[in-house]
């Protein structure tokens, strides 16, 4: 299953949880028609960000063989230092188990 499909499945499942609000958090770099560089998001930030039952949640989605980048590991460490819930998810079940 592709990372995009896993992410879509996670967004549907987690959005259905009570007292939960999550959204796709895009990051990246692009170039406008005027050839200006446009940066979006914080490098390394998780694919899905939100709140579940009063807890800040960050979900990084990977396939079975996917690995976190160094920036993603640094974001995870910072998120967890701030007492947020960080989930490295390869399936919907990973996320649901972490949010129980």
PDB file of N, CA and C in Angstrom:
ATOM      1  N   UNK A   1       0.852  -1.184   0.000  1.00  0.00           N
ATOM      2  CA  UNK A   1       0.000   0.000   0.000  1.00  0.00           C
ATOM      3  C   UNK A   1       0.895   1.243   0.000  1.00  0.00           C
ATOM      4  N   UNK A   2       0.507   2.258  -0.745  1.00  0.00           N
ATOM      5  CA  UNK A   2       1.305   3.481  -0.847  1.00  0.00           C
ATOM      6  C   UNK A   2       1.161   4.340   0.415  1.00  0.00           C
ATOM      7  N   UNK A   3       2.128   5.206   0.626  1.00  0.00           N
ATOM      8  CA  UNK A   3       2.079   6.128   1.758  1.00  0.00           C
ATOM      9  C   UNK A   3       0.841   7.027   1.672  1.00  0.00           C
ATOM     10  N   UNK A   4       0.496   7.452   0.474  1.00  0.00           N
ATOM     11  CA  UNK A   4      -0.681   8.306   0.283  1.00  0.00           C
ATOM     12  C   UNK A   4      -1.955   7.583   0.712  1.00  0.00           C
ATOM     13  N   UNK A   5      -2.094   6.316   0.353  1.00  0.00           N
ATOM     14  CA  UNK A   5      -3.285   5.551   0.724  1.00  0.00           C
ATOM     15  C   UNK A   5      -3.333   5.317   2.238  1.00  0.00           C
ATOM     16  N   UNK A   6      -2.185   4.999   2.821  1.00  0.00           N
ATOM     17  CA  UNK A   6      -2.130   4.813   4.277  1.00  0.00           C
ATOM     18  C   UNK A   6      -2.550   6.110   4.965  1.00  0.00           C
ATOM     19  N   UNK A   7      -2.036   7.242   4.485  1.00  0.00           N
ATOM     20  CA  UNK A   7      -2.363   8.542   5.076  1.00  0.00           C
ATOM     21  C   UNK A   7      -3.858   8.834   4.963  1.00  0.00           C
ATOM     22  N   UNK A   8      -4.438   8.593   3.805  1.00  0.00           N
ATOM     23  CA  UNK A   8      -5.874   8.827   3.631  1.00  0.00           C
ATOM     24  C   UNK A   8      -6.693   7.950   4.577  1.00  0.00           C
ATOM     25  N   UNK A   9      -6.312   6.695   4.720  1.00  0.00           N
ATOM     26  CA  UNK A   9      -7.018   5.792   5.633  1.00  0.00           C
ATOM     27  C   UNK A   9      -6.900   6.270   7.079  1.00  0.00           C
ATOM     28  N   UNK A  10      -5.724   6.738   7.450  1.00  0.00           N
ATOM     29  CA  UNK A  10      -5.513   7.255   8.811  1.00  0.00           C
ATOM     30  C   UNK A  10      -6.363   8.497   9.042  1.00  0.00           C
ATOM     31  N   UNK A  11      -6.365   9.416   8.088  1.00  0.00           N
ATOM     32  CA  UNK A  11      -7.167  10.637   8.244  1.00  0.00           C
ATOM     33  C   UNK A  11      -8.649  10.319   8.428  1.00  0.00           C
ATOM     34  N   UNK A  12      -9.172   9.380   7.673  1.00  0.00           N
ATOM     35  CA  UNK A  12     -10.586   9.004   7.796  1.00  0.00           C
ATOM     36  C   UNK A  12     -10.845   8.390   9.172  1.00  0.00           C
ATOM     37  N   UNK A  13     -10.013   7.441   9.577  1.00  0.00           N
ATOM     38  CA  UNK A  13     -10.230   6.734  10.845  1.00  0.00           C
ATOM     39  C   UNK A  13     -10.074   7.659  12.047  1.00  0.00           C
ATOM     40  N   UNK A  14      -9.044   8.469  12.051  1.00  0.00           N
ATOM     41  CA  UNK A  14      -8.773   9.330  13.207  1.00  0.00           C
ATOM     42  C   UNK A  14      -9.785  10.468  13.285  1.00  0.00           C
ATOM     43  N   UNK A  15     -10.230  10.969  12.157  1.00  0.00           N
ATOM     44  CA  UNK A  15     -11.237  12.034  12.150  1.00  0.00           C
ATOM     45  C   UNK A  15     -12.554  11.581  12.769  1.00  0.00           C
ATOM     46  N   UNK A  16     -12.793  10.289  12.761  1.00  0.00           N
ATOM     47  CA  UNK A  16     -14.027   9.752  13.329  1.00  0.00           C
ATOM     48  C   UNK A  16     -13.968   9.580  14.846  1.00  0.00           C
ATOM     49  N   UNK A  17     -12.779   9.731  15.428  1.00  0.00           N
ATOM     50  CA  UNK A  17     -12.646   9.580  16.881  1.00  0.00           C
ATOM     51  C   UNK A  17     -13.306  10.759  17.598  1.00  0.00           C
ATOM     52  N   UNK A  18     -13.876  10.513  18.768  1.00  0.00           N
ATOM     53  CA  UNK A  18     -14.483  11.624  19.522  1.00  0.00           C
ATOM     54  C   UNK A  18     -13.418  12.616  19.972  1.00  0.00           C
ATOM     55  N   UNK A  19     -13.808  13.878  20.024  1.00  0.00           N
ATOM     56  CA  UNK A  19     -12.940  14.958  20.522  1.00  0.00           C
ATOM     57  C   UNK A  19     -11.602  15.011  19.788  1.00  0.00           C
ATOM     58  N   UNK A  20     -11.651  14.818  18.477  1.00  0.00           N
ATOM     59  CA  UNK A  20     -10.426  14.776  17.677  1.00  0.00           C
ATOM     60  C   UNK A  20     -10.569  15.655  16.438  1.00  0.00           C
ATOM     61  N   UNK A  21      -9.522  16.423  16.173  1.00  0.00           N
ATOM     62  CA  UNK A  21      -9.438  17.240  14.965  1.00  0.00           C
ATOM     63  C   UNK A  21      -8.037  17.059  14.400  1.00  0.00           C
ATOM     64  N   UNK A  22      -7.931  16.531  13.181  1.00  0.00           N
ATOM     65  CA  UNK A  22      -6.631  16.341  12.528  1.00  0.00           C
ATOM     66  C   UNK A  22      -6.708  16.840  11.094  1.00  0.00           C
ATOM     67  N   UNK A  23      -5.543  17.175  10.550  1.00  0.00           N
ATOM     68  CA  UNK A  23      -5.488  17.632   9.163  1.00  0.00           C
ATOM     69  C   UNK A  23      -4.150  17.257   8.557  1.00  0.00           C
ATOM     70  N   UNK A  24      -4.130  17.187   7.231  1.00  0.00           N
ATOM     71  CA  UNK A  24      -2.895  16.949   6.476  1.00  0.00           C
ATOM     72  C   UNK A  24      -2.050  18.192   6.588  1.00  0.00           C
ATOM     73  N   UNK A  25      -0.803  18.001   6.966  1.00  0.00           N
ATOM     74  CA  UNK A  25       0.111  19.120   7.177  1.00  0.00           C
ATOM     75  C   UNK A  25       1.205  19.056   6.112  1.00  0.00           C
ATOM     76  N   UNK A  26       1.024  19.804   5.040  1.00  0.00           N
ATOM     77  CA  UNK A  26       1.989  19.786   3.939  1.00  0.00           C
ATOM     78  C   UNK A  26       3.225  20.618   4.265  1.00  0.00           C
ATOM     79  N   UNK A  27       4.367  20.126   3.842  1.00  0.00           N
ATOM     80  CA  UNK A  27       5.602  20.896   3.915  1.00  0.00           C
ATOM     81  C   UNK A  27       6.324  20.736   2.585  1.00  0.00           C
ATOM     82  N   UNK A  28       7.154  21.682   2.272  1.00  0.00           N
ATOM     83  CA  UNK A  28       7.916  21.567   1.040  1.00  0.00           C
ATOM     84  C   UNK A  28       8.339  22.910   0.485  1.00  0.00           C
ATOM     85  N   UNK A  29       8.890  22.854  -0.705  1.00  0.00           N
ATOM     86  CA  UNK A  29       9.405  24.034  -1.388  1.00  0.00           C
ATOM     87  C   UNK A  29       8.866  24.024  -2.811  1.00  0.00           C
ATOM     88  N   UNK A  30       8.469  25.196  -3.279  1.00  0.00           N
ATOM     89  CA  UNK A  30       8.001  25.323  -4.649  1.00  0.00           C
ATOM     90  C   UNK A  30       8.484  26.626  -5.244  1.00  0.00           C
ATOM     91  N   UNK A  31       8.266  26.775  -6.523  1.00  0.00           N
ATOM     92  CA  UNK A  31       8.664  27.994  -7.221  1.00  0.00           C
ATOM     93  C   UNK A  31       7.413  28.591  -7.868  1.00  0.00           C
ATOM     94  N   UNK A  32       7.196  29.880  -7.648  1.00  0.00           N
ATOM     95  CA  UNK A  32       6.042  30.556  -8.232  1.00  0.00           C
ATOM     96  C   UNK A  32       6.317  30.874  -9.698  1.00  0.00           C
ATOM     97  N   UNK A  33       5.295  31.352 -10.389  1.00  0.00           N
ATOM     98  CA  UNK A  33       5.472  31.756 -11.794  1.00  0.00           C
ATOM     99  C   UNK A  33       6.488  32.888 -11.925  1.00  0.00           C
ATOM    100  N   UNK A  34       6.573  33.704 -10.884  1.00  0.00           N
ATOM    101  CA  UNK A  34       7.544  34.809 -10.893  1.00  0.00           C
ATOM    102  C   UNK A  34       8.932  34.329 -10.488  1.00  0.00           C
ATOM    103  N   UNK A  35       9.087  33.012 -10.345  1.00  0.00           N
ATOM    104  CA  UNK A  35      10.359  32.373  -9.992  1.00  0.00           C
ATOM    105  C   UNK A  35      10.858  32.724  -8.588  1.00  0.00           C
ATOM    106  N   UNK A  36       9.915  32.972  -7.711  1.00  0.00           N
ATOM    107  CA  UNK A  36      10.281  33.156  -6.305  1.00  0.00           C
ATOM    108  C   UNK A  36      10.113  31.817  -5.600  1.00  0.00           C
ATOM    109  N   UNK A  37      10.986  31.570  -4.643  1.00  0.00           N
ATOM    110  CA  UNK A  37      10.911  30.328  -3.878  1.00  0.00           C
ATOM    111  C   UNK A  37       9.870  30.496  -2.784  1.00  0.00           C
ATOM    112  N   UNK A  38       9.003  29.504  -2.677  1.00  0.00           N
ATOM    113  CA  UNK A  38       7.955  29.520  -1.671  1.00  0.00           C
ATOM    114  C   UNK A  38       8.117  28.288  -0.795  1.00  0.00           C
ATOM    115  N   UNK A  39       8.329  28.508   0.492  1.00  0.00           N
ATOM    116  CA  UNK A  39       8.477  27.408   1.448  1.00  0.00           C
ATOM    117  C   UNK A  39       7.206  27.301   2.271  1.00  0.00           C
ATOM    118  N   UNK A  40       6.781  26.067   2.516  1.00  0.00           N
ATOM    119  CA  UNK A  40       5.572  25.842   3.298  1.00  0.00           C
ATOM    120  C   UNK A  40       5.884  24.850   4.417  1.00  0.00           C
ATOM    121  N   UNK A  41       5.413  25.159   5.605  1.00  0.00           N
ATOM    122  CA  UNK A  41       5.569  24.241   6.726  1.00  0.00           C
ATOM    123  C   UNK A  41       6.963  24.244   7.321  1.00  0.00           C
ATOM    124  N   UNK A  42       7.099  23.472   8.367  1.00  0.00           N
ATOM    125  CA  UNK A  42       8.369  23.322   9.081  1.00  0.00           C
ATOM    126  C   UNK A  42       9.059  22.062   8.583  1.00  0.00           C
ATOM    127  N   UNK A  43      10.285  22.159   8.088  1.00  0.00           N
ATOM    128  CA  UNK A  43      10.967  20.956   7.593  1.00  0.00           C
ATOM    129  C   UNK A  43      11.000  19.868   8.666  1.00  0.00           C
ATOM    130  N   UNK A  44      10.634  18.661   8.269  1.00  0.00           N
ATOM    131  CA  UNK A  44      10.642  17.531   9.188  1.00  0.00           C
ATOM    132  C   UNK A  44       9.351  17.327   9.951  1.00  0.00           C
ATOM    133  N   UNK A  45       8.432  18.294   9.847  1.00  0.00           N
ATOM    134  CA  UNK A  45       7.182  18.151  10.606  1.00  0.00           C
ATOM    135  C   UNK A  45       6.368  16.975  10.078  1.00  0.00           C
ATOM    136  N   UNK A  46       5.496  16.482  10.935  1.00  0.00           N
ATOM    137  CA  UNK A  46       4.725  15.279  10.621  1.00  0.00           C
ATOM    138  C   UNK A  46       3.705  15.512   9.513  1.00  0.00           C
ATOM    139  N   UNK A  47       3.283  14.420   8.893  1.00  0.00           N
ATOM    140  CA  UNK A  47       2.317  14.469   7.795  1.00  0.00           C
ATOM    141  C   UNK A  47       0.927  14.898   8.257  1.00  0.00           C
ATOM    142  N   UNK A  48       0.569  14.511   9.468  1.00  0.00           N
ATOM    143  CA  UNK A  48      -0.747  14.808  10.027  1.00  0.00           C
ATOM    144  C   UNK A  48      -0.540  15.442  11.394  1.00  0.00           C
ATOM    145  N   UNK A  49      -1.230  16.551  11.634  1.00  0.00           N
ATOM    146  CA  UNK A  49      -1.145  17.274  12.902  1.00  0.00           C
ATOM    147  C   UNK A  49      -2.559  17.447  13.426  1.00  0.00           C
ATOM    148  N   UNK A  50      -2.701  17.516  14.739  1.00  0.00           N
ATOM    149  CA  UNK A  50      -4.019  17.773  15.288  1.00  0.00           C
ATOM    150  C   UNK A  50      -4.073  17.654  16.791  1.00  0.00           C
ATOM    151  N   UNK A  51      -5.291  17.492  17.273  1.00  0.00           N
ATOM    152  CA  UNK A  51      -5.551  17.384  18.703  1.00  0.00           C
ATOM    153  C   UNK A  51      -6.533  16.237  18.904  1.00  0.00           C
ATOM    154  N   UNK A  52      -6.249  15.409  19.888  1.00  0.00           N
ATOM    155  CA  UNK A  52      -7.157  14.326  20.228  1.00  0.00           C
ATOM    156  C   UNK A  52      -7.318  14.279  21.741  1.00  0.00           C
ATOM    157  N   UNK A  53      -8.549  14.542  22.181  1.00  0.00           N
ATOM    158  CA  UNK A  53      -8.868  14.526  23.613  1.00  0.00           C
ATOM    159  C   UNK A  53      -7.919  15.392  24.425  1.00  0.00           C
ATOM    160  N   UNK A  54      -7.643  16.577  23.889  1.00  0.00           N
ATOM    161  CA  UNK A  54      -6.818  17.548  24.587  1.00  0.00           C
ATOM    162  C   UNK A  54      -5.322  17.339  24.449  1.00  0.00           C
ATOM    163  N   UNK A  55      -4.903  16.360  23.668  1.00  0.00           N
ATOM    164  CA  UNK A  55      -3.473  16.089  23.481  1.00  0.00           C
ATOM    165  C   UNK A  55      -3.051  16.481  22.068  1.00  0.00           C
ATOM    166  N   UNK A  56      -1.943  17.185  21.971  1.00  0.00           N
ATOM    167  CA  UNK A  56      -1.393  17.524  20.661  1.00  0.00           C
ATOM    168  C   UNK A  56      -0.842  16.247  20.030  1.00  0.00           C
ATOM    169  N   UNK A  57      -1.211  16.023  18.772  1.00  0.00           N
ATOM    170  CA  UNK A  57      -0.844  14.775  18.095  1.00  0.00           C
ATOM    171  C   UNK A  57      -0.134  15.097  16.781  1.00  0.00           C
ATOM    172  N   UNK A  58       0.958  14.379  16.522  1.00  0.00           N
ATOM    173  CA  UNK A  58       1.673  14.459  15.251  1.00  0.00           C
ATOM    174  C   UNK A  58       1.830  13.034  14.742  1.00  0.00           C
ATOM    175  N   UNK A  59       1.454  12.803  13.497  1.00  0.00           N
ATOM    176  CA  UNK A  59       1.516  11.462  12.912  1.00  0.00           C
ATOM    177  C   UNK A  59       2.380  11.508  11.652  1.00  0.00           C
ATOM    178  N   UNK A  60       3.475  10.783  11.679  1.00  0.00           N
ATOM    179  CA  UNK A  60       4.341  10.646  10.508  1.00  0.00           C
ATOM    180  C   UNK A  60       4.001   9.313   9.854  1.00  0.00           C
ATOM    181  N   UNK A  61       3.604   9.348   8.589  1.00  0.00           N
ATOM    182  CA  UNK A  61       3.153   8.157   7.881  1.00  0.00           C
ATOM    183  C   UNK A  61       4.290   7.610   7.021  1.00  0.00           C
ATOM    184  N   UNK A  62       4.504   6.306   7.148  1.00  0.00           N
ATOM    185  CA  UNK A  62       5.530   5.627   6.351  1.00  0.00           C
ATOM    186  C   UNK A  62       4.984   4.293   5.857  1.00  0.00           C
ATOM    187  N   UNK A  63       5.512   3.820   4.754  1.00  0.00           N
ATOM    188  CA  UNK A  63       5.210   2.465   4.295  1.00  0.00           C
ATOM    189  C   UNK A  63       5.995   1.492   5.176  1.00  0.00           C
ATOM    190  N   UNK A  64       5.805   0.212   4.940  1.00  0.00           N
ATOM    191  CA  UNK A  64       6.494  -0.807   5.736  1.00  0.00           C
ATOM    192  C   UNK A  64       8.013  -0.651   5.679  1.00  0.00           C
ATOM    193  N   UNK A  65       8.527  -0.175   4.562  1.00  0.00           N
ATOM    194  CA  UNK A  65       9.981  -0.041   4.424  1.00  0.00           C
ATOM    195  C   UNK A  65      10.469   1.406   4.558  1.00  0.00           C
ATOM    196  N   UNK A  66       9.548   2.355   4.765  1.00  0.00           N
ATOM    197  CA  UNK A  66       9.929   3.768   4.840  1.00  0.00           C
ATOM    198  C   UNK A  66      10.701   4.095   6.114  1.00  0.00           C
ATOM    199  N   UNK A  67      11.588   5.079   6.004  1.00  0.00           N
ATOM    200  CA  UNK A  67      12.400   5.506   7.143  1.00  0.00           C
ATOM    201  C   UNK A  67      12.282   7.015   7.340  1.00  0.00           C
ATOM    202  N   UNK A  68      12.398   7.431   8.589  1.00  0.00           N
ATOM    203  CA  UNK A  68      12.373   8.864   8.892  1.00  0.00           C
ATOM    204  C   UNK A  68      13.678   9.514   8.449  1.00  0.00           C
ATOM    205  N   UNK A  69      13.557  10.764   8.000  1.00  0.00           N
ATOM    206  CA  UNK A  69      14.754  11.548   7.707  1.00  0.00           C
ATOM    207  C   UNK A  69      15.311  12.092   9.024  1.00  0.00           C
ATOM    208  N   UNK A  70      16.506  12.621   8.968  1.00  0.00           N
ATOM    209  CA  UNK A  70      17.109  13.232  10.160  1.00  0.00           C
ATOM    210  C   UNK A  70      16.240  14.381  10.665  1.00  0.00           C
ATOM    211  N   UNK A  71      15.707  15.207   9.753  1.00  0.00           N
ATOM    212  CA  UNK A  71      14.836  16.316  10.163  1.00  0.00           C
ATOM    213  C   UNK A  71      13.565  15.800  10.838  1.00  0.00           C
ATOM    214  N   UNK A  72      13.037  14.696  10.353  1.00  0.00           N
ATOM    215  CA  UNK A  72      11.840  14.117  10.961  1.00  0.00           C
ATOM    216  C   UNK A  72      12.134  13.586  12.361  1.00  0.00           C
ATOM    217  N   UNK A  73      13.302  12.994  12.554  1.00  0.00           N
ATOM    218  CA  UNK A  73      13.681  12.518  13.896  1.00  0.00           C
ATOM    219  C   UNK A  73      13.851  13.693  14.854  1.00  0.00           C
ATOM    220  N   UNK A  74      14.407  14.786  14.362  1.00  0.00           N
ATOM    221  CA  UNK A  74      14.568  15.980  15.206  1.00  0.00           C
ATOM    222  C   UNK A  74      13.203  16.569  15.567  1.00  0.00           C
ATOM    223  N   UNK A  75      12.281  16.604  14.601  1.00  0.00           N
ATOM    224  CA  UNK A  75      10.936  17.097  14.886  1.00  0.00           C
ATOM    225  C   UNK A  75      10.269  16.210  15.930  1.00  0.00           C
ATOM    226  N   UNK A  76      10.399  14.895  15.788  1.00  0.00           N
ATOM    227  CA  UNK A  76       9.810  13.970  16.763  1.00  0.00           C
ATOM    228  C   UNK A  76      10.347  14.250  18.160  1.00  0.00           C
ATOM    229  N   UNK A  77      11.639  14.414  18.282  1.00  0.00           N
ATOM    230  CA  UNK A  77      12.242  14.675  19.595  1.00  0.00           C
ATOM    231  C   UNK A  77      11.714  15.977  20.192  1.00  0.00           C
ATOM    232  N   UNK A  78      11.611  17.018  19.377  1.00  0.00           N
ATOM    233  CA  UNK A  78      11.109  18.306  19.866  1.00  0.00           C
ATOM    234  C   UNK A  78       9.640  18.189  20.268  1.00  0.00           C
ATOM    235  N   UNK A  79       8.841  17.485  19.462  1.00  0.00           N
ATOM    236  CA  UNK A  79       7.408  17.316  19.751  1.00  0.00           C
ATOM    237  C   UNK A  79       7.225  16.576  21.078  1.00  0.00           C
ATOM    238  N   UNK A  80       7.997  15.520  21.254  1.00  0.00           N
ATOM    239  CA  UNK A  80       7.883  14.727  22.477  1.00  0.00           C
ATOM    240  C   UNK A  80       8.414  15.482  23.699  1.00  0.00           C
ATOM    241  N   UNK A  81       9.456  16.303  23.528  1.00  0.00           N
ATOM    242  CA  UNK A  81       9.938  17.149  24.634  1.00  0.00           C
ATOM    243  C   UNK A  81       8.841  18.102  25.093  1.00  0.00           C
ATOM    244  N   UNK A  82       8.005  18.536  24.136  1.00  0.00           N
ATOM    245  CA  UNK A  82       6.901  19.447  24.461  1.00  0.00           C
ATOM    246  C   UNK A  82       5.676  18.671  24.962  1.00  0.00           C
ATOM    247  N   UNK A  83       5.842  17.375  25.173  1.00  0.00           N
ATOM    248  CA  UNK A  83       4.817  16.477  25.721  1.00  0.00           C
ATOM    249  C   UNK A  83       3.678  16.191  24.758  1.00  0.00           C
ATOM    250  N   UNK A  84       3.949  16.339  23.468  1.00  0.00           N
ATOM    251  CA  UNK A  84       2.969  15.948  22.467  1.00  0.00           C
ATOM    252  C   UNK A  84       3.063  14.455  22.185  1.00  0.00           C
ATOM    253  N   UNK A  85       2.013  13.919  21.594  1.00  0.00           N
ATOM    254  CA  UNK A  85       1.985  12.506  21.201  1.00  0.00           C
ATOM    255  C   UNK A  85       2.455  12.425  19.752  1.00  0.00           C
ATOM    256  N   UNK A  86       3.512  11.659  19.512  1.00  0.00           N
ATOM    257  CA  UNK A  86       4.063  11.485  18.169  1.00  0.00           C
ATOM    258  C   UNK A  86       3.898  10.017  17.793  1.00  0.00           C
ATOM    259  N   UNK A  87       3.364   9.775  16.604  1.00  0.00           N
ATOM    260  CA  UNK A  87       3.156   8.405  16.145  1.00  0.00           C
ATOM    261  C   UNK A  87       3.859   8.227  14.802  1.00  0.00           C
ATOM    262  N   UNK A  88       4.762   7.256  14.748  1.00  0.00           N
ATOM    263  CA  UNK A  88       5.335   6.835  13.478  1.00  0.00           C
ATOM    264  C   UNK A  88       4.428   5.701  13.002  1.00  0.00           C
ATOM    265  N   UNK A  89       3.594   5.983  12.029  1.00  0.00           N
ATOM    266  CA  UNK A  89       2.512   5.072  11.657  1.00  0.00           C
ATOM    267  C   UNK A  89       2.758   4.409  10.316  1.00  0.00           C
ATOM    268  N   UNK A  90       2.566   3.117  10.318  1.00  0.00           N
ATOM    269  CA  UNK A  90       2.622   2.345   9.080  1.00  0.00           C
ATOM    270  C   UNK A  90       1.244   1.780   8.747  1.00  0.00           C
ATOM    271  N   UNK A  91       0.276   2.037   9.650  1.00  0.00           N
ATOM    272  CA  UNK A  91      -1.087   1.555   9.441  1.00  0.00           C
ATOM    273  C   UNK A  91      -2.041   2.347  10.331  1.00  0.00           C
ATOM    274  N   UNK A  92      -3.324   2.214  10.048  1.00  0.00           N
ATOM    275  CA  UNK A  92      -4.358   2.822  10.886  1.00  0.00           C
ATOM    276  C   UNK A  92      -4.266   2.264  12.303  1.00  0.00           C
ATOM    277  N   UNK A  93      -4.027   0.971  12.409  1.00  0.00           N
ATOM    278  CA  UNK A  93      -3.953   0.331  13.732  1.00  0.00           C
ATOM    279  C   UNK A  93      -2.865   0.940  14.606  1.00  0.00           C
ATOM    280  N   UNK A  94      -1.725   1.315  14.015  1.00  0.00           N
ATOM    281  CA  UNK A  94      -0.652   1.951  14.782  1.00  0.00           C
ATOM    282  C   UNK A  94      -1.160   3.222  15.466  1.00  0.00           C
ATOM    283  N   UNK A  95      -1.913   4.012  14.724  1.00  0.00           N
ATOM    284  CA  UNK A  95      -2.401   5.285  15.246  1.00  0.00           C
ATOM    285  C   UNK A  95      -3.487   5.059  16.292  1.00  0.00           C
ATOM    286  N   UNK A  96      -4.431   4.192  15.992  1.00  0.00           N
ATOM    287  CA  UNK A  96      -5.512   3.946  16.941  1.00  0.00           C
ATOM    288  C   UNK A  96      -4.980   3.405  18.260  1.00  0.00           C
ATOM    289  N   UNK A  97      -3.981   2.537  18.206  1.00  0.00           N
ATOM    290  CA  UNK A  97      -3.377   1.997  19.433  1.00  0.00           C
ATOM    291  C   UNK A  97      -2.706   3.107  20.237  1.00  0.00           C
ATOM    292  N   UNK A  98      -2.014   4.014  19.562  1.00  0.00           N
ATOM    293  CA  UNK A  98      -1.314   5.104  20.254  1.00  0.00           C
ATOM    294  C   UNK A  98      -2.267   6.111  20.864  1.00  0.00           C
ATOM    295  N   UNK A  99      -3.447   6.265  20.288  1.00  0.00           N
ATOM    296  CA  UNK A  99      -4.398   7.273  20.782  1.00  0.00           C
ATOM    297  C   UNK A  99      -5.390   6.715  21.785  1.00  0.00           C
ATOM    298  N   UNK A 100      -5.330   5.432  22.088  1.00  0.00           N
ATOM    299  CA  UNK A 100      -6.243   4.836  23.084  1.00  0.00           C
ATOM    300  C   UNK A 100      -5.923   5.343  24.467  1.00  0.00           C
TER     301      UNK A 100
END
